[in-house]
């Protein structure tokens, strides 16, 4: 894999997701969310091992990105971390209900007080908005994203730093304009927004068939051993 990093446009990201869940890919949304959350949990373990602090605050939005965060939190608990979930707009969808029940069965706490939770954590997972985000940012998330911008606690964002546009990156003004997390986990393939990202970049997508990768002109790096994530540089080379 040489040269510039190949990315997946907004249009192609949606089309690829559709292919994965059609008769072509034959995946269910549950499977894809499980694989995404597992990838995120492995990236967090890589950049913030338990020895650096076990308290993880997982901020979840109302859509699929939030679901990825819920799955990641479950895996992190099994790795020995102590996650806390901020999930203010909980979906009534059966899948999300089951994901939250799984966390409650592990006695993982949920909080409605993000500012207070921020003072009691060692690392943050930003699973609020993903690649399909469209402004405006609705309450209570503007203040949450402003706190993510301002905090000195390291943040790992899931697929996109929350508030960023998939094509044009951070907003020109308002919440998120100065948000650049320490870590980004691109799911399936990197999106164009990565050109504005300056931190450590991981790819999680170890489930694509060669045919789908070829259809979308993706040149994906090799994953090591049993890893579900691979760290890549700005040129797309494996680090």
Protein backbone atom coordinates (compact mmCIF):
# COMPACT_ATOMS: atom_id res chain seq x y z
CA UNK A 1 0.00 0.00 0.00
CA UNK A 2 1.83 3.08 -1.19
CA UNK A 3 1.10 6.73 -1.91
CA UNK A 4 -1.85 8.72 -0.61
CA UNK A 5 -4.33 7.13 1.74
CA UNK A 6 -7.41 5.96 -0.15
CA UNK A 7 -10.65 7.01 1.49
CA UNK A 8 -14.32 6.15 1.16
CA UNK A 9 -16.67 9.00 0.18
CA UNK A 10 -19.97 9.62 1.94
CA UNK A 11 -21.88 8.17 -1.02
CA UNK A 12 -19.69 5.07 -1.20
CA UNK A 13 -19.71 4.58 2.57
CA UNK A 14 -23.49 4.36 2.50
CA UNK A 15 -23.44 2.09 -0.54
CA UNK A 16 -20.85 -0.20 1.03
CA UNK A 17 -22.94 -0.50 4.21
CA UNK A 18 -25.94 -1.36 2.06
CA UNK A 19 -23.92 -4.03 0.20
CA UNK A 20 -22.71 -5.54 3.48
CA UNK A 21 -26.28 -5.95 4.73
CA UNK A 22 -27.72 -7.13 1.41
CA UNK A 23 -27.67 -10.62 -0.06
CA UNK A 24 -24.22 -9.67 -1.41
CA UNK A 25 -22.53 -9.27 1.96
CA UNK A 26 -25.07 -11.22 4.07
CA UNK A 27 -24.17 -9.47 7.33
CA UNK A 28 -26.76 -8.34 9.87
CA UNK A 29 -26.58 -4.96 11.61
CA UNK A 30 -25.94 -6.83 14.88
CA UNK A 31 -22.85 -8.51 13.41
CA UNK A 32 -21.42 -5.29 11.98
CA UNK A 33 -21.98 -3.42 15.23
CA UNK A 34 -20.32 -6.22 17.20
CA UNK A 35 -17.30 -6.19 14.89
CA UNK A 36 -17.09 -2.39 15.03
CA UNK A 37 -17.30 -2.26 18.83
CA UNK A 38 -14.73 -5.02 19.15
CA UNK A 39 -12.36 -3.05 16.91
CA UNK A 40 -12.83 0.10 19.01
CA UNK A 41 -12.19 -1.81 22.24
CA UNK A 42 -8.93 -3.23 20.86
CA UNK A 43 -7.77 0.24 19.77
CA UNK A 44 -8.47 1.61 23.26
CA UNK A 45 -6.53 -1.28 24.79
CA UNK A 46 -3.63 -0.49 22.45
CA UNK A 47 -3.43 3.25 23.22
CA UNK A 48 -4.61 3.18 26.83
CA UNK A 49 -3.79 -0.15 28.51
CA UNK A 50 -5.40 -0.76 31.91
CA UNK A 51 -2.13 0.16 33.64
CA UNK A 52 -2.77 3.77 32.57
CA UNK A 53 -6.14 3.87 34.31
CA UNK A 54 -9.20 1.66 34.09
CA UNK A 55 -11.93 4.30 34.13
CA UNK A 56 -13.41 4.76 30.65
CA UNK A 57 -16.23 7.19 29.88
CA UNK A 58 -18.16 6.09 26.78
CA UNK A 59 -20.29 8.87 25.25
CA UNK A 60 -22.96 7.38 22.99
CA UNK A 61 -25.21 9.09 20.47
CA UNK A 62 -28.67 7.91 19.41
CA UNK A 63 -27.66 6.04 16.22
CA UNK A 64 -25.33 3.29 15.03
CA UNK A 65 -22.22 5.10 16.26
CA UNK A 66 -23.67 4.99 19.76
CA UNK A 67 -24.39 1.29 19.33
CA UNK A 68 -20.73 0.73 18.45
CA UNK A 69 -19.84 2.49 21.69
CA UNK A 70 -22.17 0.27 23.73
CA UNK A 71 -20.55 -2.85 22.27
CA UNK A 72 -17.06 -1.44 22.89
CA UNK A 73 -17.97 -0.76 26.54
CA UNK A 74 -19.00 -4.39 27.05
CA UNK A 75 -15.69 -5.66 25.66
CA UNK A 76 -13.73 -3.12 27.72
CA UNK A 77 -15.44 -4.38 30.89
CA UNK A 78 -14.35 -7.92 30.04
CA UNK A 79 -10.78 -6.64 29.55
CA UNK A 80 -10.80 -5.35 33.12
CA UNK A 81 -11.74 -1.71 32.59
CA UNK A 82 -14.43 0.18 34.52
CA UNK A 83 -16.62 1.84 31.87
CA UNK A 84 -19.32 4.41 32.54
CA UNK A 85 -21.94 5.10 29.88
CA UNK A 86 -23.29 8.51 28.91
CA UNK A 87 -26.29 7.72 26.67
CA UNK A 88 -28.81 10.55 26.99
CA UNK A 89 -30.90 9.78 23.90
CA UNK A 90 -31.48 6.06 24.31
CA UNK A 91 -33.05 4.36 21.32
CA UNK A 92 -36.22 2.32 21.71
CA UNK A 93 -34.99 -0.03 18.95
CA UNK A 94 -34.77 -3.66 20.10
CA UNK A 95 -31.07 -3.98 19.23
CA UNK A 96 -30.08 -0.96 21.33
CA UNK A 97 -32.33 -2.09 24.17
CA UNK A 98 -30.54 -5.44 24.20
CA UNK A 99 -27.12 -3.77 24.15
CA UNK A 100 -28.00 -1.60 27.15
CA UNK A 101 -29.43 -4.62 29.01
CA UNK A 102 -26.15 -6.48 28.42
CA UNK A 103 -24.29 -3.58 30.07
CA UNK A 104 -26.70 -3.34 33.00
CA UNK A 105 -26.27 -7.09 33.53
CA UNK A 106 -22.58 -6.34 34.12
CA UNK A 107 -23.51 -3.55 36.58
CA UNK A 108 -21.92 -0.97 34.29
CA UNK A 109 -23.19 2.44 35.45
CA UNK A 110 -25.08 4.90 33.23
CA UNK A 111 -24.86 8.63 33.93
CA UNK A 112 -26.79 11.71 32.80
CA UNK A 113 -24.15 14.09 34.18
CA UNK A 114 -21.39 14.30 31.59
CA UNK A 115 -19.38 17.13 33.24
CA UNK A 116 -19.16 15.24 36.53
CA UNK A 117 -18.31 11.94 34.82
CA UNK A 118 -15.53 13.71 32.92
CA UNK A 119 -13.84 14.50 36.22
CA UNK A 120 -13.80 10.81 37.16
CA UNK A 121 -12.32 9.15 34.08
CA UNK A 122 -8.95 8.27 32.55
CA UNK A 123 -9.99 7.97 28.89
CA UNK A 124 -13.03 8.90 26.79
CA UNK A 125 -14.65 7.04 23.89
CA UNK A 126 -16.50 9.45 21.59
CA UNK A 127 -19.27 7.39 19.99
CA UNK A 128 -21.75 10.26 19.58
CA UNK A 129 -21.89 10.93 15.83
CA UNK A 130 -20.44 8.93 12.94
CA UNK A 131 -19.98 9.33 9.20
CA UNK A 132 -23.68 9.98 8.51
CA UNK A 133 -23.85 13.00 10.85
CA UNK A 134 -25.80 16.01 9.55
CA UNK A 135 -25.90 19.33 11.39
CA UNK A 136 -27.27 20.94 13.45
CA UNK A 137 -26.05 19.35 16.68
CA UNK A 138 -29.05 18.89 18.95
CA UNK A 139 -29.16 19.10 22.73
CA UNK A 140 -27.59 17.89 24.91
CA UNK A 141 -24.65 17.27 22.59
CA UNK A 142 -23.34 20.82 21.83
CA UNK A 143 -22.12 21.24 25.41
CA UNK A 144 -20.73 17.67 25.46
CA UNK A 145 -18.70 18.22 22.29
CA UNK A 146 -17.43 21.54 23.67
CA UNK A 147 -16.19 19.67 26.76
CA UNK A 148 -14.51 17.07 24.53
CA UNK A 149 -12.70 19.95 22.78
CA UNK A 150 -11.55 21.45 26.05
CA UNK A 151 -10.57 18.40 28.09
CA UNK A 152 -6.99 17.26 28.59
CA UNK A 153 -8.18 13.67 28.97
CA UNK A 154 -7.38 11.60 25.85
CA UNK A 155 -10.29 10.88 23.51
CA UNK A 156 -10.77 7.99 21.07
CA UNK A 157 -13.37 8.80 18.39
CA UNK A 158 -15.38 6.12 16.60
CA UNK A 159 -15.26 6.49 12.78
CA UNK A 160 -15.45 10.30 12.93
CA UNK A 161 -14.73 12.95 15.56
CA UNK A 162 -18.24 13.98 16.61
CA UNK A 163 -19.48 17.11 14.77
CA UNK A 164 -17.11 16.53 11.81
CA UNK A 165 -18.45 16.21 8.26
CA UNK A 166 -17.34 13.05 6.43
CA UNK A 167 -16.08 15.07 3.45
CA UNK A 168 -15.09 18.48 4.84
CA UNK A 169 -13.87 17.64 8.34
CA UNK A 170 -14.38 19.91 11.38
CA UNK A 171 -17.05 22.61 11.33
CA UNK A 172 -15.83 26.14 10.64
CA UNK A 173 -17.26 27.41 13.91
CA UNK A 174 -19.21 26.33 16.97
CA UNK A 175 -18.93 23.05 18.90
CA UNK A 176 -16.31 20.77 17.37
CA UNK A 177 -14.46 23.45 15.37
CA UNK A 178 -11.32 22.87 17.45
CA UNK A 179 -11.97 19.23 18.33
CA UNK A 180 -9.15 16.94 17.25
CA UNK A 181 -9.09 13.76 19.37
CA UNK A 182 -5.94 11.86 20.22
CA UNK A 183 -7.16 8.68 18.50
CA UNK A 184 -9.49 7.87 15.59
CA UNK A 185 -10.77 4.40 14.72
CA UNK A 186 -11.95 4.37 11.10
CA UNK A 187 -14.46 1.58 10.56
CA UNK A 188 -14.39 -0.50 7.34
CA UNK A 189 -12.25 2.12 5.54
CA UNK A 190 -10.93 5.65 6.21
CA UNK A 191 -13.20 8.56 5.29
CA UNK A 192 -12.06 11.82 3.60
CA UNK A 193 -12.19 13.67 6.94
CA UNK A 194 -8.93 11.97 7.99
CA UNK A 195 -6.93 14.64 6.13
CA UNK A 196 -7.77 17.03 9.00
CA UNK A 197 -6.98 14.49 11.71
CA UNK A 198 -3.59 14.77 13.44
CA UNK A 199 -3.57 11.95 16.03
CA UNK A 200 -3.09 8.18 16.01
CA UNK A 201 -5.22 6.52 13.36
CA UNK A 202 -6.47 2.94 13.49
CA UNK A 203 -8.49 0.99 10.95
CA UNK A 204 -11.05 -1.60 12.04
CA UNK A 205 -12.62 -3.61 9.26
CA UNK A 206 -11.31 -7.13 9.26
CA UNK A 207 -14.40 -8.62 7.66
CA UNK A 208 -14.51 -7.26 4.11
CA UNK A 209 -14.44 -9.78 1.30
CA UNK A 210 -11.90 -9.27 -1.50
CA UNK A 211 -14.75 -8.69 -3.96
CA UNK A 212 -16.26 -5.83 -1.93
CA UNK A 213 -12.82 -4.29 -1.32
CA UNK A 214 -12.19 -4.40 -5.08
CA UNK A 215 -15.61 -2.93 -5.92
CA UNK A 216 -14.87 0.14 -3.79
CA UNK A 217 -11.19 0.34 -4.80
CA UNK A 218 -9.97 -0.17 -1.23
CA UNK A 219 -6.35 -1.02 -0.57
CA UNK A 220 -6.48 -2.24 2.99
CA UNK A 221 -3.39 -3.01 5.08
CA UNK A 222 -2.78 -6.46 6.49
CA UNK A 223 -3.89 -7.15 10.04
CA UNK A 224 -1.49 -8.92 12.40
CA UNK A 225 -2.33 -12.22 14.07
CA UNK A 226 -5.77 -12.03 15.68
CA UNK A 227 -5.91 -8.21 15.78
CA UNK A 228 -9.14 -6.51 14.70
CA UNK A 229 -7.39 -3.15 14.24
CA UNK A 230 -4.26 -1.94 12.48
CA UNK A 231 -2.54 1.41 13.03
CA UNK A 232 -1.89 3.37 9.86
CA UNK A 233 0.00 6.54 9.00
CA UNK A 234 -1.12 9.52 6.92
CA UNK A 235 0.01 7.71 3.76
CA UNK A 236 -2.05 4.64 4.61
CA UNK A 237 1.01 2.57 5.44
CA UNK A 238 0.76 0.18 8.36
CA UNK A 239 2.73 1.42 11.37
